[in-house]
Amino acid sequence: MANCRALVIVLPCYGALEIVGVIIIIIIITGYGHVSPLSDGGKIFCVVYAIVGIPLTLILFTALVERLMMITSFMYDALLAGFAQSFRVLYVRLTHVFIVFCFVLVVLFLIPSAIFTIIETNWNFLDAFYYCFISMTTIGLGDYIPGDELQQSYRPLYKICAACQ
């Protein structure tokens, strides 16, 4: 257990997948669920890692938003070119916003909620949707924690994927 002193959370020792999951949780959703360092070294590591990781994550999100803006601008221009003669520009803009809203709703909330409903045996769709909403809005209350059952198949991998959600 000499290599497990930096991060002692809930389990006595971590494998590589668990450590990756903790690192993702520190950067993306700090303070979510049962994950917290207990040793002094683990606490210092989390602080330093968050100080470096959070700005890098913001830079990554900025680059991602720039790429997504190119796609949505292209879609808006295509809608404008196709419907500007038939409809007012306001209606084309509202249609564009509605399409983007529906895409975000389906991709970030409905599909993950359906997946969580299947994987988490004691969650219904509302519980899963609530978890997705609370997580995506970075509220992170920790009242629902995916992968909390010890007998769950591929639990470390599942926890990493749920943290990335």
N, C-alpha and C. Protein backbone atom coordinates (compact mmCIF):
# COMPACT_ATOMS: atom_id res chain seq x y z
N MET A 1 0.82 -1.21 0.00
CA MET A 1 0.00 0.00 0.00
C MET A 1 0.85 1.26 0.00
N ALA A 2 2.14 1.13 -0.24
CA ALA A 2 3.01 2.30 -0.24
C ALA A 2 2.66 3.26 -1.36
N ASN A 3 2.19 2.74 -2.50
CA ASN A 3 1.86 3.61 -3.62
C ASN A 3 0.46 4.20 -3.51
N CYS A 4 -0.26 3.96 -2.43
CA CYS A 4 -1.63 4.44 -2.29
C CYS A 4 -1.76 5.51 -1.20
N ARG A 5 -0.68 6.12 -0.78
CA ARG A 5 -0.76 7.09 0.32
C ARG A 5 -1.20 8.48 -0.14
N ALA A 6 -0.99 8.82 -1.41
CA ALA A 6 -1.32 10.16 -1.87
C ALA A 6 -2.83 10.39 -1.86
N LEU A 7 -3.61 9.42 -2.30
CA LEU A 7 -5.06 9.58 -2.34
C LEU A 7 -5.72 8.41 -1.62
N VAL A 8 -6.17 8.66 -0.41
CA VAL A 8 -6.93 7.67 0.32
C VAL A 8 -8.34 8.21 0.41
N ILE A 9 -9.27 7.57 -0.29
CA ILE A 9 -10.62 8.12 -0.37
C ILE A 9 -11.59 7.22 0.37
N VAL A 10 -12.11 6.22 -0.25
CA VAL A 10 -13.04 5.31 0.41
C VAL A 10 -12.44 3.91 0.46
N LEU A 11 -11.82 3.50 -0.61
CA LEU A 11 -11.19 2.19 -0.67
C LEU A 11 -9.75 2.31 -0.19
N PRO A 12 -9.16 1.24 0.38
CA PRO A 12 -7.80 1.34 0.90
C PRO A 12 -6.74 1.56 -0.16
N CYS A 13 -6.96 1.10 -1.41
CA CYS A 13 -5.97 1.25 -2.46
C CYS A 13 -6.68 1.36 -3.80
N TYR A 14 -6.07 2.06 -4.74
CA TYR A 14 -6.70 2.29 -6.03
C TYR A 14 -5.87 1.72 -7.14
N GLY A 15 -6.57 1.27 -8.17
CA GLY A 15 -5.92 0.89 -9.40
C GLY A 15 -5.85 2.10 -10.31
N ALA A 16 -5.32 1.90 -11.49
CA ALA A 16 -5.14 3.01 -12.43
C ALA A 16 -6.47 3.65 -12.82
N LEU A 17 -7.52 2.84 -13.07
CA LEU A 17 -8.81 3.40 -13.47
C LEU A 17 -9.44 4.22 -12.36
N GLU A 18 -9.31 3.79 -11.13
CA GLU A 18 -9.87 4.56 -10.02
C GLU A 18 -9.17 5.90 -9.86
N ILE A 19 -7.85 5.90 -10.02
CA ILE A 19 -7.09 7.16 -9.90
C ILE A 19 -7.48 8.12 -11.01
N VAL A 20 -7.65 7.62 -12.24
CA VAL A 20 -8.11 8.47 -13.34
C VAL A 20 -9.48 9.05 -13.02
N GLY A 21 -10.36 8.23 -12.45
CA GLY A 21 -11.68 8.72 -12.07
C GLY A 21 -11.62 9.83 -11.04
N VAL A 22 -10.75 9.69 -10.05
CA VAL A 22 -10.59 10.72 -9.02
C VAL A 22 -10.06 12.01 -9.65
N ILE A 23 -9.11 11.88 -10.55
CA ILE A 23 -8.54 13.07 -11.21
C ILE A 23 -9.60 13.78 -12.03
N ILE A 24 -10.44 13.03 -12.75
CA ILE A 24 -11.51 13.65 -13.52
C ILE A 24 -12.50 14.35 -12.59
N ILE A 25 -12.83 13.72 -11.49
CA ILE A 25 -13.77 14.34 -10.54
C ILE A 25 -13.18 15.63 -9.97
N ILE A 26 -11.88 15.62 -9.68
CA ILE A 26 -11.25 16.83 -9.13
C ILE A 26 -11.35 17.98 -10.11
N ILE A 27 -11.08 17.72 -11.39
CA ILE A 27 -11.09 18.80 -12.38
C ILE A 27 -12.50 19.25 -12.72
N ILE A 28 -13.37 18.31 -13.02
CA ILE A 28 -14.67 18.65 -13.59
C ILE A 28 -15.72 18.94 -12.53
N ILE A 29 -15.85 18.08 -11.54
CA ILE A 29 -16.96 18.21 -10.60
C ILE A 29 -16.46 18.11 -9.17
N THR A 30 -15.62 19.01 -8.78
CA THR A 30 -15.04 18.98 -7.45
C THR A 30 -16.13 18.98 -6.39
N GLY A 31 -15.98 18.08 -5.42
CA GLY A 31 -16.91 18.03 -4.30
C GLY A 31 -18.16 17.23 -4.56
N TYR A 32 -18.12 16.25 -5.42
CA TYR A 32 -19.31 15.50 -5.79
C TYR A 32 -19.25 14.10 -5.21
N GLY A 33 -20.24 13.74 -4.44
CA GLY A 33 -20.34 12.37 -3.96
C GLY A 33 -19.46 12.08 -2.77
N HIS A 34 -18.98 10.82 -2.70
CA HIS A 34 -18.21 10.36 -1.56
C HIS A 34 -16.71 10.49 -1.75
N VAL A 35 -16.26 11.17 -2.78
CA VAL A 35 -14.85 11.22 -3.10
C VAL A 35 -14.20 12.41 -2.39
N SER A 36 -13.26 12.11 -1.49
CA SER A 36 -12.51 13.17 -0.83
C SER A 36 -11.20 12.58 -0.31
N PRO A 37 -10.13 13.33 -0.40
CA PRO A 37 -8.85 12.81 0.09
C PRO A 37 -8.81 12.86 1.62
N LEU A 38 -8.16 11.86 2.21
CA LEU A 38 -8.06 11.81 3.66
C LEU A 38 -6.66 12.13 4.16
N SER A 39 -5.65 11.85 3.36
CA SER A 39 -4.27 12.09 3.81
C SER A 39 -3.86 13.53 3.48
N ASP A 40 -2.84 14.03 4.19
CA ASP A 40 -2.34 15.37 3.92
C ASP A 40 -1.79 15.48 2.51
N GLY A 41 -1.06 14.44 2.07
CA GLY A 41 -0.52 14.45 0.71
C GLY A 41 -1.61 14.46 -0.33
N GLY A 42 -2.69 13.71 -0.09
CA GLY A 42 -3.81 13.69 -1.01
C GLY A 42 -4.51 15.04 -1.10
N LYS A 43 -4.64 15.72 0.05
CA LYS A 43 -5.28 17.04 0.07
C LYS A 43 -4.44 18.06 -0.69
N ILE A 44 -3.12 18.04 -0.46
CA ILE A 44 -2.22 18.96 -1.17
C ILE A 44 -2.26 18.68 -2.67
N PHE A 45 -2.22 17.39 -3.04
CA PHE A 45 -2.29 17.02 -4.45
C PHE A 45 -3.57 17.55 -5.09
N CYS A 46 -4.71 17.39 -4.42
CA CYS A 46 -5.99 17.86 -4.97
C CYS A 46 -6.01 19.36 -5.17
N VAL A 47 -5.48 20.11 -4.21
CA VAL A 47 -5.45 21.57 -4.33
C VAL A 47 -4.58 21.99 -5.51
N VAL A 48 -3.37 21.45 -5.58
CA VAL A 48 -2.44 21.81 -6.66
C VAL A 48 -3.01 21.38 -8.01
N TYR A 49 -3.53 20.16 -8.06
CA TYR A 49 -4.07 19.65 -9.31
C TYR A 49 -5.27 20.47 -9.77
N ALA A 50 -6.14 20.88 -8.84
CA ALA A 50 -7.29 21.70 -9.21
C ALA A 50 -6.85 23.09 -9.67
N ILE A 51 -5.84 23.66 -9.03
CA ILE A 51 -5.34 24.98 -9.43
C ILE A 51 -4.82 24.95 -10.87
N VAL A 52 -4.17 23.87 -11.24
CA VAL A 52 -3.65 23.73 -12.60
C VAL A 52 -4.74 23.22 -13.54
N GLY A 53 -5.51 22.23 -13.10
CA GLY A 53 -6.46 21.56 -13.97
C GLY A 53 -7.68 22.36 -14.34
N ILE A 54 -8.20 23.15 -13.42
CA ILE A 54 -9.42 23.91 -13.71
C ILE A 54 -9.18 24.95 -14.81
N PRO A 55 -8.11 25.76 -14.76
CA PRO A 55 -7.88 26.67 -15.89
C PRO A 55 -7.65 25.94 -17.22
N LEU A 56 -6.95 24.81 -17.19
CA LEU A 56 -6.74 24.05 -18.42
C LEU A 56 -8.07 23.51 -18.95
N THR A 57 -8.96 23.10 -18.05
CA THR A 57 -10.28 22.65 -18.46
C THR A 57 -11.07 23.79 -19.08
N LEU A 58 -10.97 24.98 -18.51
CA LEU A 58 -11.67 26.14 -19.07
C LEU A 58 -11.14 26.47 -20.46
N ILE A 59 -9.83 26.36 -20.66
CA ILE A 59 -9.25 26.59 -21.98
C ILE A 59 -9.78 25.55 -22.97
N LEU A 60 -9.85 24.29 -22.53
CA LEU A 60 -10.39 23.24 -23.38
C LEU A 60 -11.85 23.53 -23.74
N PHE A 61 -12.64 23.94 -22.76
CA PHE A 61 -14.04 24.26 -23.04
C PHE A 61 -14.17 25.45 -23.99
N THR A 62 -13.29 26.43 -23.86
CA THR A 62 -13.30 27.57 -24.77
C THR A 62 -13.03 27.12 -26.20
N ALA A 63 -12.05 26.26 -26.38
CA ALA A 63 -11.75 25.74 -27.71
C ALA A 63 -12.92 24.92 -28.24
N LEU A 64 -13.55 24.14 -27.37
CA LEU A 64 -14.69 23.34 -27.78
C LEU A 64 -15.86 24.23 -28.21
N VAL A 65 -16.12 25.28 -27.45
CA VAL A 65 -17.21 26.19 -27.80
C VAL A 65 -16.93 26.90 -29.12
N GLU A 66 -15.68 27.26 -29.36
CA GLU A 66 -15.33 27.88 -30.64
C GLU A 66 -15.64 26.93 -31.80
N ARG A 67 -15.32 25.65 -31.64
CA ARG A 67 -15.61 24.67 -32.70
C ARG A 67 -17.11 24.48 -32.86
N LEU A 68 -17.84 24.42 -31.75
CA LEU A 68 -19.28 24.27 -31.83
C LEU A 68 -19.95 25.50 -32.44
N MET A 69 -19.38 26.68 -32.19
CA MET A 69 -19.93 27.90 -32.79
C MET A 69 -19.78 27.88 -34.31
N MET A 70 -18.71 27.30 -34.80
CA MET A 70 -18.55 27.18 -36.26
C MET A 70 -19.66 26.32 -36.83
N ILE A 71 -19.98 25.21 -36.15
CA ILE A 71 -21.03 24.31 -36.63
C ILE A 71 -22.39 25.00 -36.57
N THR A 72 -22.70 25.65 -35.44
CA THR A 72 -24.01 26.30 -35.32
C THR A 72 -24.12 27.51 -36.24
N SER A 73 -23.02 28.21 -36.46
CA SER A 73 -23.05 29.33 -37.42
C SER A 73 -23.31 28.83 -38.83
N PHE A 74 -22.69 27.72 -39.19
CA PHE A 74 -22.94 27.12 -40.50
C PHE A 74 -24.40 26.71 -40.63
N MET A 75 -24.95 26.11 -39.58
CA MET A 75 -26.35 25.70 -39.60
C MET A 75 -27.27 26.92 -39.70
N TYR A 76 -26.94 27.98 -38.96
CA TYR A 76 -27.75 29.20 -39.01
C TYR A 76 -27.70 29.82 -40.40
N ASP A 77 -26.51 29.88 -41.00
CA ASP A 77 -26.39 30.42 -42.34
C ASP A 77 -27.18 29.60 -43.36
N ALA A 78 -27.17 28.28 -43.20
CA ALA A 78 -27.93 27.42 -44.11
C ALA A 78 -29.43 27.65 -43.93
N LEU A 79 -29.88 27.78 -42.68
CA LEU A 79 -31.30 28.09 -42.45
C LEU A 79 -31.66 29.45 -43.03
N LEU A 80 -30.79 30.41 -42.83
CA LEU A 80 -31.04 31.76 -43.34
C LEU A 80 -31.10 31.77 -44.86
N ALA A 81 -30.19 31.05 -45.49
CA ALA A 81 -30.18 31.00 -46.96
C ALA A 81 -31.42 30.29 -47.49
N GLY A 82 -31.87 29.27 -46.80
CA GLY A 82 -33.01 28.51 -47.28
C GLY A 82 -34.37 29.12 -46.98
N PHE A 83 -34.49 29.84 -45.86
CA PHE A 83 -35.80 30.30 -45.42
C PHE A 83 -35.93 31.81 -45.28
N ALA A 84 -34.90 32.58 -45.60
CA ALA A 84 -34.96 34.04 -45.40
C ALA A 84 -35.99 34.69 -46.31
N GLN A 85 -36.19 34.13 -47.50
CA GLN A 85 -37.17 34.73 -48.41
C GLN A 85 -38.60 34.42 -47.97
N SER A 86 -38.80 33.28 -47.35
CA SER A 86 -40.16 32.86 -46.98
C SER A 86 -40.58 33.34 -45.59
N PHE A 87 -39.62 33.45 -44.67
CA PHE A 87 -39.93 33.81 -43.29
C PHE A 87 -39.08 35.00 -42.85
N ARG A 88 -39.56 35.67 -41.81
CA ARG A 88 -38.77 36.76 -41.25
C ARG A 88 -37.54 36.20 -40.56
N VAL A 89 -36.51 37.03 -40.43
CA VAL A 89 -35.24 36.61 -39.83
C VAL A 89 -35.45 36.16 -38.38
N LEU A 90 -36.37 36.80 -37.69
CA LEU A 90 -36.66 36.42 -36.31
C LEU A 90 -37.11 34.96 -36.23
N TYR A 91 -37.97 34.53 -37.14
CA TYR A 91 -38.45 33.15 -37.13
C TYR A 91 -37.33 32.16 -37.46
N VAL A 92 -36.43 32.56 -38.33
CA VAL A 92 -35.30 31.70 -38.65
C VAL A 92 -34.39 31.57 -37.43
N ARG A 93 -34.16 32.68 -36.73
CA ARG A 93 -33.35 32.64 -35.50
C ARG A 93 -34.00 31.78 -34.43
N LEU A 94 -35.30 31.92 -34.25
CA LEU A 94 -36.01 31.10 -33.26
C LEU A 94 -35.96 29.61 -33.62
N THR A 95 -36.06 29.31 -34.91
CA THR A 95 -35.94 27.93 -35.36
C THR A 95 -34.55 27.40 -35.06
N HIS A 96 -33.54 28.21 -35.30
CA HIS A 96 -32.16 27.82 -35.01
C HIS A 96 -31.98 27.54 -33.53
N VAL A 97 -32.47 28.42 -32.68
CA VAL A 97 -32.36 28.23 -31.23
C VAL A 97 -33.10 26.97 -30.80
N PHE A 98 -34.27 26.73 -31.38
CA PHE A 98 -35.05 25.54 -31.04
C PHE A 98 -34.30 24.27 -31.43
N ILE A 99 -33.68 24.25 -32.60
CA ILE A 99 -32.92 23.08 -33.04
C ILE A 99 -31.74 22.82 -32.12
N VAL A 100 -31.00 23.88 -31.76
CA VAL A 100 -29.87 23.72 -30.85
C VAL A 100 -30.35 23.25 -29.48
N PHE A 101 -31.43 23.82 -28.98
CA PHE A 101 -31.98 23.41 -27.69
C PHE A 101 -32.37 21.93 -27.70
N CYS A 102 -33.05 21.49 -28.75
CA CYS A 102 -33.46 20.09 -28.85
C CYS A 102 -32.25 19.17 -28.91
N PHE A 103 -31.22 19.57 -29.65
CA PHE A 103 -30.01 18.77 -29.74
C PHE A 103 -29.35 18.62 -28.37
N VAL A 104 -29.21 19.74 -27.65
CA VAL A 104 -28.61 19.71 -26.31
C VAL A 104 -29.46 18.87 -25.36
N LEU A 105 -30.76 19.04 -25.41
CA LEU A 105 -31.66 18.27 -24.54
C LEU A 105 -31.51 16.77 -24.78
N VAL A 106 -31.48 16.38 -26.04
CA VAL A 106 -31.39 14.95 -26.35
C VAL A 106 -30.01 14.40 -26.01
N VAL A 107 -28.95 15.08 -26.43
CA VAL A 107 -27.59 14.55 -26.28
C VAL A 107 -27.09 14.62 -24.84
N LEU A 108 -27.37 15.70 -24.14
CA LEU A 108 -26.82 15.87 -22.80
C LEU A 108 -27.74 15.40 -21.68
N PHE A 109 -29.03 15.25 -21.96
CA PHE A 109 -29.94 14.90 -20.88
C PHE A 109 -30.74 13.61 -21.14
N LEU A 110 -31.40 13.50 -22.27
CA LEU A 110 -32.30 12.36 -22.49
C LEU A 110 -31.54 11.05 -22.74
N ILE A 111 -30.54 11.07 -23.60
CA ILE A 111 -29.78 9.85 -23.88
C ILE A 111 -29.02 9.38 -22.63
N PRO A 112 -28.25 10.26 -21.95
CA PRO A 112 -27.61 9.79 -20.71
C PRO A 112 -28.61 9.32 -19.65
N SER A 113 -29.76 9.98 -19.56
CA SER A 113 -30.77 9.55 -18.58
C SER A 113 -31.27 8.15 -18.90
N ALA A 114 -31.48 7.87 -20.17
CA ALA A 114 -31.91 6.53 -20.56
C ALA A 114 -30.83 5.50 -20.25
N ILE A 115 -29.58 5.84 -20.49
CA ILE A 115 -28.48 4.92 -20.19
C ILE A 115 -28.39 4.67 -18.68
N PHE A 116 -28.46 5.73 -17.88
CA PHE A 116 -28.41 5.57 -16.43
C PHE A 116 -29.60 4.77 -15.92
N THR A 117 -30.77 4.93 -16.53
CA THR A 117 -31.94 4.16 -16.12
C THR A 117 -31.71 2.67 -16.33
N ILE A 118 -31.01 2.33 -17.40
CA ILE A 118 -30.73 0.92 -17.69
C ILE A 118 -29.64 0.38 -16.75
N ILE A 119 -28.57 1.15 -16.55
CA ILE A 119 -27.41 0.66 -15.79
C ILE A 119 -27.67 0.70 -14.29
N GLU A 120 -28.23 1.78 -13.80
CA GLU A 120 -28.51 1.93 -12.37
C GLU A 120 -29.85 1.27 -12.08
N THR A 121 -29.82 0.12 -11.47
CA THR A 121 -31.04 -0.67 -11.30
C THR A 121 -32.07 -0.03 -10.37
N ASN A 122 -31.63 0.80 -9.45
CA ASN A 122 -32.58 1.39 -8.51
C ASN A 122 -32.94 2.84 -8.86
N TRP A 123 -32.60 3.31 -10.08
CA TRP A 123 -32.98 4.65 -10.53
C TRP A 123 -34.09 4.52 -11.56
N ASN A 124 -35.09 5.39 -11.48
CA ASN A 124 -36.05 5.49 -12.56
C ASN A 124 -35.59 6.62 -13.50
N PHE A 125 -36.37 6.88 -14.55
CA PHE A 125 -35.94 7.88 -15.53
C PHE A 125 -35.85 9.27 -14.92
N LEU A 126 -36.78 9.61 -14.04
CA LEU A 126 -36.74 10.93 -13.40
C LEU A 126 -35.49 11.08 -12.54
N ASP A 127 -35.13 10.04 -11.79
CA ASP A 127 -33.90 10.09 -10.99
C ASP A 127 -32.69 10.31 -11.88
N ALA A 128 -32.64 9.58 -12.99
CA ALA A 128 -31.51 9.70 -13.91
C ALA A 128 -31.48 11.08 -14.56
N PHE A 129 -32.64 11.59 -14.96
CA PHE A 129 -32.69 12.94 -15.56
C PHE A 129 -32.27 13.99 -14.55
N TYR A 130 -32.76 13.84 -13.32
CA TYR A 130 -32.37 14.76 -12.25
C TYR A 130 -30.86 14.73 -12.04
N TYR A 131 -30.27 13.53 -12.00
CA TYR A 131 -28.81 13.41 -11.85
C TYR A 131 -28.09 14.12 -13.00
N CYS A 132 -28.54 13.88 -14.22
CA CYS A 132 -27.90 14.52 -15.39
C CYS A 132 -28.01 16.03 -15.32
N PHE A 133 -29.18 16.53 -14.94
CA PHE A 133 -29.36 17.98 -14.85
C PHE A 133 -28.48 18.58 -13.76
N ILE A 134 -28.47 17.95 -12.59
CA ILE A 134 -27.68 18.46 -11.48
C ILE A 134 -26.19 18.41 -11.83
N SER A 135 -25.77 17.38 -12.53
CA SER A 135 -24.36 17.24 -12.90
C SER A 135 -23.98 18.23 -14.00
N MET A 136 -24.80 18.35 -15.03
CA MET A 136 -24.46 19.22 -16.16
C MET A 136 -24.52 20.70 -15.79
N THR A 137 -25.32 21.04 -14.81
CA THR A 137 -25.36 22.43 -14.36
C THR A 137 -24.33 22.70 -13.27
N THR A 138 -23.50 21.71 -12.98
CA THR A 138 -22.41 21.74 -11.98
C THR A 138 -22.89 22.07 -10.57
N ILE A 139 -24.15 21.77 -10.28
CA ILE A 139 -24.62 21.92 -8.90
C ILE A 139 -24.01 20.82 -8.05
N GLY A 140 -24.08 19.59 -8.54
CA GLY A 140 -23.40 18.47 -7.91
C GLY A 140 -23.73 18.25 -6.45
N LEU A 141 -24.97 17.94 -6.14
CA LEU A 141 -25.37 17.76 -4.75
C LEU A 141 -24.84 16.47 -4.14
N GLY A 142 -24.63 15.45 -4.95
CA GLY A 142 -24.11 14.20 -4.45
C GLY A 142 -25.16 13.28 -3.87
N ASP A 143 -26.45 13.60 -4.06
CA ASP A 143 -27.49 12.73 -3.54
C ASP A 143 -27.69 11.49 -4.41
N TYR A 144 -27.32 11.56 -5.68
CA TYR A 144 -27.30 10.39 -6.56
C TYR A 144 -25.87 10.23 -7.05
N ILE A 145 -25.33 9.04 -6.87
CA ILE A 145 -23.95 8.77 -7.25
C ILE A 145 -23.94 7.50 -8.09
N PRO A 146 -23.59 7.62 -9.38
CA PRO A 146 -23.57 6.43 -10.23
C PRO A 146 -22.43 5.50 -9.85
N GLY A 147 -22.65 4.22 -10.05
CA GLY A 147 -21.61 3.23 -9.77
C GLY A 147 -21.35 3.03 -8.30
N ASP A 148 -22.35 3.26 -7.47
CA ASP A 148 -22.17 3.15 -6.02
C ASP A 148 -22.30 1.71 -5.52
N GLU A 149 -22.83 0.82 -6.34
CA GLU A 149 -22.96 -0.58 -5.95
C GLU A 149 -21.64 -1.30 -6.19
N LEU A 150 -21.11 -1.96 -5.18
CA LEU A 150 -19.81 -2.61 -5.29
C LEU A 150 -19.80 -3.77 -6.27
N GLN A 151 -20.92 -4.44 -6.48
CA GLN A 151 -20.98 -5.59 -7.37
C GLN A 151 -21.24 -5.21 -8.82
N GLN A 152 -21.23 -3.95 -9.15
CA GLN A 152 -21.54 -3.50 -10.50
C GLN A 152 -20.43 -3.92 -11.47
N SER A 153 -20.82 -4.41 -12.63
CA SER A 153 -19.85 -4.84 -13.64
C SER A 153 -19.06 -3.64 -14.15
N TYR A 154 -17.76 -3.82 -14.33
CA TYR A 154 -16.87 -2.78 -14.86
C TYR A 154 -17.01 -1.47 -14.07
N ARG A 155 -17.11 -1.55 -12.77
CA ARG A 155 -17.37 -0.39 -11.92
C ARG A 155 -16.35 0.74 -12.09
N PRO A 156 -15.01 0.49 -12.09
CA PRO A 156 -14.07 1.61 -12.27
C PRO A 156 -14.24 2.33 -13.61
N LEU A 157 -14.40 1.56 -14.68
CA LEU A 157 -14.60 2.16 -15.99
C LEU A 157 -15.91 2.94 -16.04
N TYR A 158 -16.94 2.38 -15.45
CA TYR A 158 -18.24 3.03 -15.41
C TYR A 158 -18.18 4.35 -14.64
N LYS A 159 -17.46 4.37 -13.53
CA LYS A 159 -17.35 5.60 -12.73
C LYS A 159 -16.61 6.69 -13.51
N ILE A 160 -15.60 6.30 -14.29
CA ILE A 160 -14.88 7.28 -15.12
C ILE A 160 -15.80 7.84 -16.19
N CYS A 161 -16.54 6.98 -16.86
CA CYS A 161 -17.47 7.44 -17.89
C CYS A 161 -18.57 8.33 -17.30
N ALA A 162 -19.06 7.98 -16.12
CA ALA A 162 -20.08 8.80 -15.46
C ALA A 162 -19.52 10.15 -15.05
N ALA A 163 -18.26 10.20 -14.64
CA ALA A 163 -17.62 11.47 -14.27
C ALA A 163 -17.43 12.36 -15.49
N CYS A 164 -17.18 11.75 -16.65
CA CYS A 164 -17.01 12.53 -17.87
C CYS A 164 -18.33 13.03 -18.42
N GLN A 165 -19.42 12.44 -18.01
CA GLN A 165 -20.74 12.81 -18.48
C GLN A 165 -20.99 14.23 -18.08
